[in-house]
Amino acid sequence: MMTKFIEILKEQLKSELPGEKAHKIMAPNTRFTGSVMPDKEIAKASAVLILIYPKNGSLHIPFILRPEYDGAHSGQVSLPGGKAEPNDPDISYTALRETYEEIGIDISRMNLLGRLSEIYIPNSNFVVHPFIGYLSQTPTFTPDPFEVQAVIEADLYDLLQPETVSVFEKEKNGHHIIAPYFNIENNKIWGATAMIISEFKEVIANSGYNITPSDFYNAHNVQESH
């Protein structure tokens, strides 16, 4: 069933994407918490990867917990990824390179399924290009300690459930933020990352594939391989 789901997902990614409509579902009431709005015309390009892989008979996606630092995304949970470099041949390569650098997985065996809609992040003035990849075997993570405090492995079925979504409020730089988030092992996945996952969920829903826990279960409880 895992392979069937991946094939259907790859085909659905070729269709029109839900884009902003899906992003709004998980968007905070305010997305800019600075004092001077940056110039979007000179925004930097970046890319992230939604990596799907089997583990313990279910499909998972890794998120990374950022270390505390003096920056816009300090201590937040995000997808692996980062800014494009001049030597990157294209933006999909950026997603794969950054994923390798941050969590140390073997990207040579990855099947790149497609991409989601780009999303602008005003606080850091980045345009993020999300991609979706699939590994047929459980990866071994070797996180970069300077960029990754922890790898959080989210069960895809749990991530798709409505009860995983909650709302929190916080004050930042004089802004009162009300934000929906995905609660994964008591970690808040919110902001642009949650908006990207929201579109990912809508793509799955639009595929017509009715996911149940048994869909991701391998009867012999072993990893699939090709």
N, C-alpha and C. Protein backbone atom coordinates (compact mmCIF):
# COMPACT_ATOMS: atom_id res chain seq x y z
N MET A 1 0.82 -1.21 0.00
CA MET A 1 0.00 0.00 0.00
C MET A 1 0.86 1.27 0.00
N MET A 2 2.02 1.19 0.66
CA MET A 2 2.89 2.36 0.69
C MET A 2 3.26 2.80 -0.72
N THR A 3 3.68 1.83 -1.55
CA THR A 3 4.11 2.13 -2.91
C THR A 3 2.95 2.71 -3.72
N LYS A 4 1.75 2.17 -3.55
CA LYS A 4 0.58 2.68 -4.27
C LYS A 4 0.32 4.14 -3.89
N PHE A 5 0.40 4.44 -2.60
CA PHE A 5 0.19 5.80 -2.15
C PHE A 5 1.22 6.75 -2.77
N ILE A 6 2.47 6.34 -2.80
CA ILE A 6 3.53 7.18 -3.36
C ILE A 6 3.28 7.43 -4.85
N GLU A 7 2.86 6.42 -5.57
CA GLU A 7 2.58 6.58 -7.00
C GLU A 7 1.43 7.55 -7.23
N ILE A 8 0.38 7.45 -6.42
CA ILE A 8 -0.77 8.34 -6.55
C ILE A 8 -0.38 9.77 -6.19
N LEU A 9 0.43 9.91 -5.14
CA LEU A 9 0.88 11.24 -4.73
C LEU A 9 1.72 11.89 -5.82
N LYS A 10 2.62 11.13 -6.41
CA LYS A 10 3.48 11.67 -7.48
C LYS A 10 2.64 12.15 -8.65
N GLU A 11 1.61 11.41 -9.00
CA GLU A 11 0.74 11.79 -10.11
C GLU A 11 -0.07 13.04 -9.75
N GLN A 12 -0.54 13.13 -8.50
CA GLN A 12 -1.34 14.28 -8.08
C GLN A 12 -0.52 15.57 -8.09
N LEU A 13 0.76 15.46 -7.82
CA LEU A 13 1.63 16.64 -7.80
C LEU A 13 1.80 17.27 -9.19
N LYS A 14 1.40 16.55 -10.23
CA LYS A 14 1.45 17.08 -11.58
C LYS A 14 0.22 17.96 -11.88
N SER A 15 -0.80 17.87 -11.02
CA SER A 15 -2.03 18.64 -11.22
C SER A 15 -1.88 20.04 -10.64
N GLU A 16 -2.89 20.86 -10.83
CA GLU A 16 -2.86 22.21 -10.27
C GLU A 16 -2.79 22.14 -8.75
N LEU A 17 -1.91 22.92 -8.17
CA LEU A 17 -1.71 22.88 -6.72
C LEU A 17 -2.68 23.82 -6.01
N PRO A 18 -3.07 23.48 -4.77
CA PRO A 18 -4.02 24.34 -4.03
C PRO A 18 -3.42 25.66 -3.58
N GLY A 19 -2.10 25.73 -3.42
CA GLY A 19 -1.41 26.98 -3.18
C GLY A 19 -1.91 27.80 -2.01
N GLU A 20 -2.17 29.09 -2.27
CA GLU A 20 -2.50 30.05 -1.21
C GLU A 20 -3.73 29.64 -0.41
N LYS A 21 -4.70 29.03 -1.08
CA LYS A 21 -5.92 28.59 -0.38
C LYS A 21 -5.57 27.62 0.74
N ALA A 22 -4.66 26.71 0.47
CA ALA A 22 -4.24 25.75 1.49
C ALA A 22 -3.34 26.41 2.52
N HIS A 23 -2.49 27.34 2.09
CA HIS A 23 -1.59 28.03 3.02
C HIS A 23 -2.39 28.78 4.09
N LYS A 24 -3.49 29.41 3.69
CA LYS A 24 -4.27 30.22 4.62
C LYS A 24 -4.85 29.42 5.77
N ILE A 25 -5.06 28.13 5.57
CA ILE A 25 -5.65 27.28 6.61
C ILE A 25 -4.78 27.27 7.86
N MET A 26 -3.46 27.29 7.67
CA MET A 26 -2.54 27.21 8.81
C MET A 26 -1.71 28.49 8.99
N ALA A 27 -2.14 29.57 8.37
CA ALA A 27 -1.40 30.83 8.48
C ALA A 27 -1.70 31.54 9.80
N PRO A 28 -0.70 32.11 10.46
CA PRO A 28 -0.95 32.95 11.65
C PRO A 28 -1.72 34.21 11.26
N ASN A 29 -2.31 34.86 12.26
CA ASN A 29 -3.05 36.09 11.98
C ASN A 29 -2.14 37.20 11.45
N THR A 30 -0.87 37.16 11.85
CA THR A 30 0.13 38.07 11.29
C THR A 30 1.40 37.29 11.01
N ARG A 31 2.02 37.54 9.86
CA ARG A 31 3.20 36.78 9.47
C ARG A 31 4.47 37.61 9.55
N PHE A 32 4.34 38.92 9.76
CA PHE A 32 5.53 39.76 9.88
C PHE A 32 5.58 40.34 11.28
N THR A 33 6.66 40.08 11.98
CA THR A 33 6.80 40.57 13.36
C THR A 33 7.98 41.51 13.53
N GLY A 34 8.48 42.04 12.42
CA GLY A 34 9.57 43.00 12.49
C GLY A 34 9.05 44.42 12.56
N SER A 35 9.92 45.37 12.26
CA SER A 35 9.54 46.79 12.31
C SER A 35 9.50 47.43 10.93
N VAL A 36 10.38 46.97 10.01
CA VAL A 36 10.41 47.51 8.66
C VAL A 36 10.24 46.35 7.67
N MET A 37 9.16 46.39 6.89
CA MET A 37 8.88 45.32 5.93
C MET A 37 9.99 45.26 4.88
N PRO A 38 10.57 44.05 4.68
CA PRO A 38 11.65 43.92 3.68
C PRO A 38 11.13 44.03 2.25
N ASP A 39 12.04 44.23 1.34
CA ASP A 39 11.71 44.36 -0.08
C ASP A 39 11.63 42.97 -0.70
N LYS A 40 10.42 42.54 -1.02
CA LYS A 40 10.23 41.20 -1.59
C LYS A 40 10.93 41.05 -2.93
N GLU A 41 11.15 42.15 -3.64
CA GLU A 41 11.78 42.09 -4.95
C GLU A 41 13.22 41.57 -4.88
N ILE A 42 13.83 41.69 -3.70
CA ILE A 42 15.20 41.19 -3.55
C ILE A 42 15.25 40.00 -2.58
N ALA A 43 14.12 39.32 -2.44
CA ALA A 43 14.07 38.16 -1.55
C ALA A 43 15.02 37.07 -2.04
N LYS A 44 15.60 36.34 -1.10
CA LYS A 44 16.53 35.27 -1.41
C LYS A 44 15.77 33.96 -1.62
N ALA A 45 16.29 33.11 -2.50
CA ALA A 45 15.66 31.82 -2.79
C ALA A 45 16.17 30.76 -1.81
N SER A 46 15.26 29.90 -1.41
CA SER A 46 15.61 28.76 -0.57
C SER A 46 14.70 27.59 -0.92
N ALA A 47 15.02 26.43 -0.38
CA ALA A 47 14.22 25.24 -0.67
C ALA A 47 14.21 24.33 0.54
N VAL A 48 13.09 23.61 0.72
CA VAL A 48 12.96 22.63 1.80
C VAL A 48 12.47 21.31 1.21
N LEU A 49 12.60 20.26 2.00
CA LEU A 49 12.21 18.94 1.52
C LEU A 49 11.27 18.25 2.50
N ILE A 50 10.13 17.80 1.98
CA ILE A 50 9.27 16.87 2.72
C ILE A 50 9.73 15.47 2.32
N LEU A 51 10.42 14.81 3.21
CA LEU A 51 10.98 13.49 2.93
C LEU A 51 10.08 12.42 3.53
N ILE A 52 9.51 11.58 2.67
CA ILE A 52 8.64 10.49 3.12
C ILE A 52 9.44 9.20 3.13
N TYR A 53 9.33 8.43 4.21
CA TYR A 53 10.06 7.17 4.29
C TYR A 53 9.32 6.22 5.24
N PRO A 54 9.52 4.91 5.08
CA PRO A 54 8.87 3.94 5.97
C PRO A 54 9.67 3.74 7.26
N LYS A 55 8.94 3.58 8.34
CA LYS A 55 9.56 3.24 9.62
C LYS A 55 8.53 2.54 10.49
N ASN A 56 8.90 1.36 10.99
CA ASN A 56 8.01 0.59 11.85
C ASN A 56 6.64 0.36 11.21
N GLY A 57 6.65 0.11 9.91
CA GLY A 57 5.41 -0.21 9.21
C GLY A 57 4.55 0.98 8.87
N SER A 58 5.03 2.21 9.11
CA SER A 58 4.25 3.40 8.80
C SER A 58 5.14 4.39 8.06
N LEU A 59 4.52 5.34 7.37
CA LEU A 59 5.29 6.38 6.69
C LEU A 59 5.57 7.54 7.64
N HIS A 60 6.75 8.10 7.53
CA HIS A 60 7.17 9.20 8.40
C HIS A 60 7.74 10.36 7.58
N ILE A 61 7.82 11.52 8.24
CA ILE A 61 8.45 12.72 7.68
C ILE A 61 9.35 13.31 8.76
N PRO A 62 10.61 13.65 8.44
CA PRO A 62 11.46 14.27 9.46
C PRO A 62 11.34 15.80 9.47
N PHE A 63 11.25 16.34 10.67
CA PHE A 63 11.37 17.77 10.88
C PHE A 63 12.63 18.00 11.71
N ILE A 64 13.13 19.22 11.70
CA ILE A 64 14.30 19.52 12.51
C ILE A 64 13.98 20.62 13.51
N LEU A 65 14.50 20.47 14.71
CA LEU A 65 14.39 21.51 15.73
C LEU A 65 15.64 22.37 15.63
N ARG A 66 15.44 23.65 15.32
CA ARG A 66 16.56 24.58 15.18
C ARG A 66 17.12 24.93 16.57
N PRO A 67 18.42 25.09 16.68
CA PRO A 67 19.00 25.55 17.94
C PRO A 67 18.58 26.99 18.24
N GLU A 68 18.76 27.40 19.48
CA GLU A 68 18.52 28.80 19.84
C GLU A 68 19.66 29.66 19.30
N TYR A 69 19.29 30.73 18.59
CA TYR A 69 20.30 31.64 18.06
C TYR A 69 19.65 33.00 17.85
N ASP A 70 20.45 33.98 17.51
CA ASP A 70 19.94 35.33 17.29
C ASP A 70 19.45 35.45 15.86
N GLY A 71 18.21 34.99 15.62
CA GLY A 71 17.67 35.01 14.26
C GLY A 71 16.17 34.81 14.27
N ALA A 72 15.57 34.93 13.08
CA ALA A 72 14.11 34.91 12.97
C ALA A 72 13.51 33.56 13.29
N HIS A 73 14.26 32.48 13.09
CA HIS A 73 13.68 31.14 13.25
C HIS A 73 14.33 30.35 14.38
N SER A 74 14.87 31.06 15.35
CA SER A 74 15.53 30.44 16.49
C SER A 74 14.58 29.51 17.24
N GLY A 75 15.03 28.28 17.50
CA GLY A 75 14.27 27.33 18.30
C GLY A 75 13.00 26.80 17.66
N GLN A 76 12.79 27.08 16.40
CA GLN A 76 11.57 26.62 15.74
C GLN A 76 11.75 25.24 15.11
N VAL A 77 10.63 24.59 14.86
CA VAL A 77 10.62 23.31 14.15
C VAL A 77 10.37 23.59 12.68
N SER A 78 11.20 23.04 11.81
CA SER A 78 11.07 23.30 10.38
C SER A 78 11.38 22.04 9.59
N LEU A 79 11.15 22.12 8.31
CA LEU A 79 11.58 21.07 7.40
C LEU A 79 13.06 21.28 7.09
N PRO A 80 13.79 20.20 6.79
CA PRO A 80 15.19 20.39 6.39
C PRO A 80 15.27 21.20 5.10
N GLY A 81 16.24 22.10 5.05
CA GLY A 81 16.39 22.94 3.86
C GLY A 81 17.16 24.19 4.18
N GLY A 82 17.33 25.05 3.19
CA GLY A 82 18.08 26.27 3.39
C GLY A 82 18.20 27.07 2.11
N LYS A 83 19.06 28.06 2.14
CA LYS A 83 19.16 29.01 1.02
C LYS A 83 19.92 28.42 -0.16
N ALA A 84 19.55 28.91 -1.33
CA ALA A 84 20.23 28.49 -2.56
C ALA A 84 21.63 29.10 -2.60
N GLU A 85 22.57 28.33 -3.11
CA GLU A 85 23.94 28.79 -3.29
C GLU A 85 24.21 28.99 -4.79
N PRO A 86 25.15 29.87 -5.13
CA PRO A 86 25.42 30.16 -6.55
C PRO A 86 25.77 28.92 -7.37
N ASN A 87 26.39 27.93 -6.76
CA ASN A 87 26.81 26.74 -7.50
C ASN A 87 25.72 25.68 -7.62
N ASP A 88 24.55 25.88 -7.00
CA ASP A 88 23.45 24.92 -7.13
C ASP A 88 22.92 24.96 -8.57
N PRO A 89 22.84 23.82 -9.25
CA PRO A 89 22.36 23.83 -10.64
C PRO A 89 20.90 24.22 -10.77
N ASP A 90 20.08 23.91 -9.77
CA ASP A 90 18.68 24.33 -9.76
C ASP A 90 18.17 24.29 -8.32
N ILE A 91 16.94 24.75 -8.13
CA ILE A 91 16.41 24.90 -6.77
C ILE A 91 16.08 23.54 -6.14
N SER A 92 15.78 22.53 -6.94
CA SER A 92 15.55 21.20 -6.36
C SER A 92 16.84 20.63 -5.77
N TYR A 93 17.96 20.94 -6.42
CA TYR A 93 19.26 20.51 -5.89
C TYR A 93 19.52 21.17 -4.54
N THR A 94 19.08 22.42 -4.40
CA THR A 94 19.23 23.12 -3.11
C THR A 94 18.55 22.34 -2.00
N ALA A 95 17.33 21.88 -2.25
CA ALA A 95 16.58 21.13 -1.24
C ALA A 95 17.32 19.85 -0.85
N LEU A 96 17.85 19.14 -1.85
CA LEU A 96 18.55 17.89 -1.58
C LEU A 96 19.89 18.14 -0.88
N ARG A 97 20.63 19.13 -1.34
CA ARG A 97 21.93 19.44 -0.74
C ARG A 97 21.77 19.85 0.72
N GLU A 98 20.82 20.75 0.97
CA GLU A 98 20.61 21.23 2.33
C GLU A 98 20.14 20.10 3.26
N THR A 99 19.31 19.21 2.73
CA THR A 99 18.85 18.08 3.54
C THR A 99 20.02 17.18 3.91
N TYR A 100 20.89 16.94 2.95
CA TYR A 100 22.09 16.13 3.24
C TYR A 100 22.97 16.83 4.28
N GLU A 101 23.17 18.13 4.12
CA GLU A 101 24.05 18.85 5.03
C GLU A 101 23.48 18.92 6.44
N GLU A 102 22.16 19.01 6.55
CA GLU A 102 21.55 19.19 7.87
C GLU A 102 21.31 17.89 8.62
N ILE A 103 20.85 16.85 7.90
CA ILE A 103 20.52 15.61 8.62
C ILE A 103 21.27 14.39 8.10
N GLY A 104 22.17 14.59 7.12
CA GLY A 104 23.13 13.58 6.74
C GLY A 104 22.61 12.31 6.10
N ILE A 105 21.46 12.38 5.43
CA ILE A 105 20.92 11.17 4.80
C ILE A 105 21.49 10.98 3.40
N ASP A 106 21.41 9.75 2.89
CA ASP A 106 21.89 9.41 1.55
C ASP A 106 20.82 9.82 0.53
N ILE A 107 21.03 10.97 -0.12
CA ILE A 107 20.02 11.47 -1.06
C ILE A 107 20.15 10.82 -2.44
N SER A 108 21.21 10.03 -2.67
CA SER A 108 21.40 9.42 -3.99
C SER A 108 20.32 8.39 -4.29
N ARG A 109 19.68 7.86 -3.26
CA ARG A 109 18.65 6.83 -3.45
C ARG A 109 17.24 7.40 -3.37
N MET A 110 17.14 8.72 -3.33
CA MET A 110 15.84 9.36 -3.17
C MET A 110 15.10 9.49 -4.50
N ASN A 111 13.80 9.30 -4.45
CA ASN A 111 12.93 9.52 -5.60
C ASN A 111 12.23 10.86 -5.38
N LEU A 112 12.58 11.86 -6.19
CA LEU A 112 11.94 13.17 -6.07
C LEU A 112 10.58 13.11 -6.75
N LEU A 113 9.52 13.29 -5.97
CA LEU A 113 8.15 13.11 -6.47
C LEU A 113 7.58 14.35 -7.15
N GLY A 114 8.00 15.51 -6.70
CA GLY A 114 7.45 16.75 -7.26
C GLY A 114 7.65 17.90 -6.30
N ARG A 115 6.92 18.98 -6.55
CA ARG A 115 7.08 20.19 -5.74
C ARG A 115 5.73 20.77 -5.36
N LEU A 116 5.75 21.62 -4.33
CA LEU A 116 4.57 22.36 -3.91
C LEU A 116 4.73 23.82 -4.29
N SER A 117 3.75 24.64 -3.94
CA SER A 117 3.78 26.07 -4.28
C SER A 117 4.84 26.79 -3.44
N GLU A 118 5.50 27.75 -4.05
CA GLU A 118 6.47 28.54 -3.30
C GLU A 118 5.73 29.40 -2.27
N ILE A 119 6.45 29.79 -1.23
CA ILE A 119 5.85 30.58 -0.16
C ILE A 119 6.85 31.63 0.31
N TYR A 120 6.37 32.84 0.52
CA TYR A 120 7.24 33.95 0.93
C TYR A 120 7.25 34.06 2.45
N ILE A 121 8.45 34.26 3.02
CA ILE A 121 8.60 34.43 4.47
C ILE A 121 9.11 35.85 4.72
N PRO A 122 8.24 36.76 5.15
CA PRO A 122 8.65 38.16 5.29
C PRO A 122 9.70 38.41 6.37
N ASN A 123 9.67 37.65 7.47
CA ASN A 123 10.61 37.91 8.56
C ASN A 123 12.07 37.72 8.14
N SER A 124 12.33 36.78 7.24
CA SER A 124 13.70 36.54 6.79
C SER A 124 13.92 36.94 5.34
N ASN A 125 12.84 37.38 4.67
CA ASN A 125 12.88 37.79 3.26
C ASN A 125 13.39 36.67 2.35
N PHE A 126 12.82 35.49 2.54
CA PHE A 126 13.11 34.33 1.70
C PHE A 126 11.87 33.90 0.93
N VAL A 127 12.07 33.42 -0.29
CA VAL A 127 11.02 32.70 -1.01
C VAL A 127 11.40 31.22 -0.94
N VAL A 128 10.53 30.42 -0.34
CA VAL A 128 10.83 29.01 -0.10
C VAL A 128 10.15 28.14 -1.16
N HIS A 129 10.92 27.23 -1.72
CA HIS A 129 10.41 26.28 -2.72
C HIS A 129 10.38 24.89 -2.09
N PRO A 130 9.19 24.35 -1.78
CA PRO A 130 9.11 23.04 -1.13
C PRO A 130 9.08 21.90 -2.17
N PHE A 131 9.82 20.85 -1.88
CA PHE A 131 9.85 19.64 -2.70
C PHE A 131 9.46 18.44 -1.85
N ILE A 132 9.02 17.38 -2.54
CA ILE A 132 8.63 16.14 -1.86
C ILE A 132 9.47 15.00 -2.41
N GLY A 133 10.08 14.24 -1.52
CA GLY A 133 10.89 13.10 -1.92
C GLY A 133 10.50 11.84 -1.17
N TYR A 134 10.91 10.70 -1.70
CA TYR A 134 10.58 9.42 -1.08
C TYR A 134 11.80 8.52 -1.03
N LEU A 135 12.04 7.94 0.13
CA LEU A 135 13.05 6.91 0.30
C LEU A 135 12.34 5.60 0.63
N SER A 136 12.70 4.52 -0.03
CA SER A 136 12.00 3.24 0.19
C SER A 136 12.49 2.52 1.44
N GLN A 137 13.56 3.01 2.05
CA GLN A 137 14.06 2.41 3.28
C GLN A 137 14.25 3.47 4.35
N THR A 138 14.20 3.06 5.60
CA THR A 138 14.36 3.98 6.71
C THR A 138 15.77 4.57 6.70
N PRO A 139 15.89 5.90 6.66
CA PRO A 139 17.22 6.51 6.64
C PRO A 139 17.88 6.53 8.01
N THR A 140 19.18 6.66 8.01
CA THR A 140 19.94 6.91 9.23
C THR A 140 20.29 8.39 9.26
N PHE A 141 19.89 9.07 10.31
CA PHE A 141 20.12 10.51 10.39
C PHE A 141 21.44 10.81 11.10
N THR A 142 22.18 11.73 10.51
CA THR A 142 23.40 12.23 11.14
C THR A 142 23.30 13.75 11.14
N PRO A 143 22.60 14.31 12.12
CA PRO A 143 22.34 15.75 12.10
C PRO A 143 23.59 16.59 12.36
N ASP A 144 23.65 17.73 11.69
CA ASP A 144 24.70 18.70 11.92
C ASP A 144 24.40 19.42 13.24
N PRO A 145 25.26 19.28 14.26
CA PRO A 145 24.95 19.85 15.57
C PRO A 145 24.88 21.37 15.58
N PHE A 146 25.47 22.02 14.58
CA PHE A 146 25.41 23.48 14.53
C PHE A 146 24.09 23.99 13.97
N GLU A 147 23.41 23.16 13.18
CA GLU A 147 22.16 23.58 12.55
C GLU A 147 20.93 22.86 13.08
N VAL A 148 21.14 21.71 13.71
CA VAL A 148 20.01 20.88 14.13
C VAL A 148 20.19 20.45 15.58
N GLN A 149 19.24 20.84 16.41
CA GLN A 149 19.26 20.41 17.80
C GLN A 149 18.70 18.99 17.95
N ALA A 150 17.68 18.68 17.12
CA ALA A 150 17.08 17.35 17.17
C ALA A 150 16.31 17.08 15.88
N VAL A 151 16.22 15.80 15.50
CA VAL A 151 15.37 15.38 14.39
C VAL A 151 14.07 14.85 14.99
N ILE A 152 12.96 15.36 14.51
CA ILE A 152 11.63 14.95 14.98
C ILE A 152 10.96 14.15 13.87
N GLU A 153 10.72 12.89 14.12
CA GLU A 153 10.11 12.03 13.11
C GLU A 153 8.60 11.96 13.32
N ALA A 154 7.86 12.53 12.39
CA ALA A 154 6.40 12.60 12.50
C ALA A 154 5.76 11.48 11.69
N ASP A 155 4.88 10.73 12.31
CA ASP A 155 4.10 9.72 11.61
C ASP A 155 3.14 10.44 10.67
N LEU A 156 3.18 10.11 9.39
CA LEU A 156 2.36 10.82 8.41
C LEU A 156 0.88 10.67 8.70
N TYR A 157 0.44 9.49 9.10
CA TYR A 157 -0.98 9.30 9.40
C TYR A 157 -1.41 10.23 10.54
N ASP A 158 -0.60 10.33 11.59
CA ASP A 158 -0.93 11.22 12.71
C ASP A 158 -0.97 12.67 12.24
N LEU A 159 -0.04 13.04 11.38
CA LEU A 159 0.04 14.42 10.90
C LEU A 159 -1.21 14.82 10.12
N LEU A 160 -1.87 13.85 9.49
CA LEU A 160 -3.05 14.13 8.68
C LEU A 160 -4.34 14.23 9.50
N GLN A 161 -4.28 13.86 10.78
CA GLN A 161 -5.51 13.84 11.58
C GLN A 161 -5.88 15.23 12.08
N PRO A 162 -7.18 15.59 12.03
CA PRO A 162 -7.62 16.94 12.45
C PRO A 162 -7.24 17.27 13.89
N GLU A 163 -7.26 16.26 14.78
CA GLU A 163 -6.97 16.53 16.19
C GLU A 163 -5.51 16.89 16.45
N THR A 164 -4.66 16.74 15.44
CA THR A 164 -3.26 17.13 15.58
C THR A 164 -3.11 18.65 15.53
N VAL A 165 -4.11 19.35 15.01
CA VAL A 165 -4.05 20.81 14.87
C VAL A 165 -4.61 21.50 16.11
N SER A 166 -3.84 22.44 16.65
CA SER A 166 -4.26 23.27 17.76
C SER A 166 -3.94 24.72 17.44
N VAL A 167 -4.21 25.61 18.38
CA VAL A 167 -3.93 27.04 18.20
C VAL A 167 -3.23 27.57 19.45
N PHE A 168 -2.24 28.43 19.24
CA PHE A 168 -1.61 29.07 20.39
C PHE A 168 -1.52 30.57 20.15
N GLU A 169 -1.26 31.31 21.23
CA GLU A 169 -1.09 32.75 21.15
C GLU A 169 0.22 33.14 21.82
N LYS A 170 0.89 34.15 21.27
CA LYS A 170 2.13 34.64 21.87
C LYS A 170 2.34 36.09 21.48
N GLU A 171 3.19 36.75 22.25
CA GLU A 171 3.58 38.13 21.95
C GLU A 171 5.01 38.12 21.41
N LYS A 172 5.24 38.85 20.33
CA LYS A 172 6.59 38.97 19.79
C LYS A 172 6.78 40.34 19.18
N ASN A 173 7.75 41.07 19.68
CA ASN A 173 8.08 42.40 19.16
C ASN A 173 6.86 43.32 19.07
N GLY A 174 6.01 43.21 20.08
CA GLY A 174 4.82 44.05 20.11
C GLY A 174 3.66 43.56 19.26
N HIS A 175 3.80 42.39 18.65
CA HIS A 175 2.74 41.80 17.83
C HIS A 175 2.06 40.68 18.62
N HIS A 176 0.73 40.69 18.61
CA HIS A 176 -0.02 39.59 19.23
C HIS A 176 -0.30 38.53 18.16
N ILE A 177 0.35 37.39 18.29
CA ILE A 177 0.25 36.34 17.28
C ILE A 177 -0.75 35.28 17.71
N ILE A 178 -1.67 34.96 16.83
CA ILE A 178 -2.58 33.82 17.01
C ILE A 178 -2.29 32.87 15.86
N ALA A 179 -1.81 31.67 16.19
CA ALA A 179 -1.31 30.79 15.14
C ALA A 179 -1.79 29.35 15.32
N PRO A 180 -2.34 28.76 14.26
CA PRO A 180 -2.60 27.32 14.29
C PRO A 180 -1.28 26.57 14.16
N TYR A 181 -1.23 25.37 14.71
CA TYR A 181 0.00 24.59 14.63
C TYR A 181 -0.31 23.10 14.66
N PHE A 182 0.63 22.31 14.16
CA PHE A 182 0.55 20.86 14.27
C PHE A 182 1.30 20.45 15.53
N ASN A 183 0.64 19.69 16.39
CA ASN A 183 1.25 19.23 17.63
C ASN A 183 1.83 17.84 17.40
N ILE A 184 3.15 17.76 17.25
CA ILE A 184 3.84 16.49 17.04
C ILE A 184 4.79 16.25 18.21
N GLU A 185 4.43 15.30 19.05
CA GLU A 185 5.24 14.95 20.23
C GLU A 185 5.53 16.20 21.07
N ASN A 186 4.48 17.01 21.25
CA ASN A 186 4.54 18.25 22.03
C ASN A 186 5.45 19.30 21.41
N ASN A 187 5.71 19.17 20.14
CA ASN A 187 6.43 20.20 19.39
C ASN A 187 5.45 20.98 18.53
N LYS A 188 5.58 22.30 18.51
CA LYS A 188 4.70 23.15 17.71
C LYS A 188 5.30 23.35 16.32
N ILE A 189 4.61 22.87 15.30
CA ILE A 189 5.00 23.12 13.92
C ILE A 189 4.05 24.17 13.37
N TRP A 190 4.56 25.40 13.22
CA TRP A 190 3.67 26.51 12.85
C TRP A 190 4.37 27.41 11.83
N GLY A 191 3.69 28.50 11.50
CA GLY A 191 4.27 29.44 10.55
C GLY A 191 4.34 28.87 9.15
N ALA A 192 5.40 29.23 8.42
CA ALA A 192 5.54 28.81 7.03
C ALA A 192 5.61 27.29 6.90
N THR A 193 6.25 26.63 7.87
CA THR A 193 6.33 25.16 7.80
C THR A 193 4.95 24.53 7.87
N ALA A 194 4.12 25.02 8.78
CA ALA A 194 2.75 24.50 8.88
C ALA A 194 1.95 24.81 7.62
N MET A 195 2.19 25.95 7.01
CA MET A 195 1.48 26.32 5.78
C MET A 195 1.88 25.40 4.63
N ILE A 196 3.15 25.02 4.58
CA ILE A 196 3.60 24.07 3.56
C ILE A 196 2.96 22.70 3.77
N ILE A 197 2.94 22.25 5.02
CA ILE A 197 2.32 20.95 5.33
C ILE A 197 0.82 20.99 5.05
N SER A 198 0.21 22.15 5.25
CA SER A 198 -1.21 22.29 4.95
C SER A 198 -1.48 22.04 3.47
N GLU A 199 -0.62 22.59 2.60
CA GLU A 199 -0.80 22.33 1.17
C GLU A 199 -0.54 20.86 0.85
N PHE A 200 0.45 20.28 1.49
CA PHE A 200 0.74 18.86 1.32
C PHE A 200 -0.49 18.02 1.66
N LYS A 201 -1.15 18.35 2.77
CA LYS A 201 -2.37 17.64 3.16
C LYS A 201 -3.47 17.80 2.12
N GLU A 202 -3.61 19.00 1.58
CA GLU A 202 -4.65 19.25 0.57
C GLU A 202 -4.36 18.47 -0.71
N VAL A 203 -3.09 18.35 -1.08
CA VAL A 203 -2.73 17.56 -2.26
C VAL A 203 -3.13 16.10 -2.06
N ILE A 204 -2.86 15.57 -0.87
CA ILE A 204 -3.26 14.18 -0.57
C ILE A 204 -4.77 14.05 -0.62
N ALA A 205 -5.48 15.01 -0.02
CA ALA A 205 -6.95 14.97 -0.03
C ALA A 205 -7.50 15.03 -1.46
N ASN A 206 -6.91 15.87 -2.29
CA ASN A 206 -7.37 16.03 -3.67
C ASN A 206 -7.07 14.80 -4.53
N SER A 207 -6.15 13.97 -4.08
CA SER A 207 -5.82 12.76 -4.84
C SER A 207 -6.94 11.72 -4.78
N GLY A 208 -7.83 11.89 -3.79
CA GLY A 208 -8.92 10.93 -3.63
C GLY A 208 -8.51 9.67 -2.89
N TYR A 209 -7.27 9.62 -2.45
CA TYR A 209 -6.78 8.43 -1.73
C TYR A 209 -7.24 8.51 -0.28
N ASN A 210 -8.04 7.57 0.14
CA ASN A 210 -8.58 7.55 1.50
C ASN A 210 -7.62 6.80 2.41
N ILE A 211 -6.86 7.56 3.18
CA ILE A 211 -5.82 6.95 3.99
C ILE A 211 -6.38 6.41 5.30
N THR A 212 -6.02 5.19 5.61
CA THR A 212 -6.32 4.58 6.91
C THR A 212 -5.00 4.06 7.47
N PRO A 213 -4.93 3.77 8.77
CA PRO A 213 -3.67 3.26 9.33
C PRO A 213 -3.16 2.01 8.62
N SER A 214 -4.07 1.15 8.19
CA SER A 214 -3.65 -0.10 7.54
C SER A 214 -3.01 0.14 6.17
N ASP A 215 -3.28 1.31 5.55
CA ASP A 215 -2.69 1.61 4.26
C ASP A 215 -1.17 1.67 4.33
N PHE A 216 -0.67 2.09 5.48
CA PHE A 216 0.77 2.25 5.64
C PHE A 216 1.40 1.05 6.34
N TYR A 217 0.64 0.00 6.53
CA TYR A 217 1.17 -1.13 7.27
C TYR A 217 1.64 -2.24 6.35
N ASN A 218 2.85 -2.67 6.55
CA ASN A 218 3.42 -3.79 5.82
C ASN A 218 3.11 -5.06 6.60
N ALA A 219 2.42 -5.99 5.98
CA ALA A 219 1.91 -7.17 6.69
C ALA A 219 3.00 -7.95 7.43
N HIS A 220 4.21 -7.87 6.93
CA HIS A 220 5.32 -8.59 7.58
C HIS A 220 6.11 -7.68 8.50
N ASN A 221 5.64 -6.43 8.63
CA ASN A 221 6.29 -5.46 9.51
C ASN A 221 7.78 -5.28 9.18
N VAL A 222 8.06 -5.22 7.90
CA VAL A 222 9.44 -4.98 7.45
C VAL A 222 9.41 -3.82 6.47
N GLN A 223 10.56 -3.23 6.24
CA GLN A 223 10.65 -2.10 5.32
C GLN A 223 10.47 -2.57 3.90
N GLU A 224 9.86 -1.72 3.08
CA GLU A 224 9.76 -2.00 1.67
C GLU A 224 11.09 -1.68 1.00
N SER A 225 11.39 -2.34 -0.07
CA SER A 225 12.59 -2.01 -0.84
C SER A 225 12.32 -2.29 -2.29
N HIS A 226 13.11 -1.68 -3.15
CA HIS A 226 12.95 -1.84 -4.61
C HIS A 226 14.22 -2.41 -5.19
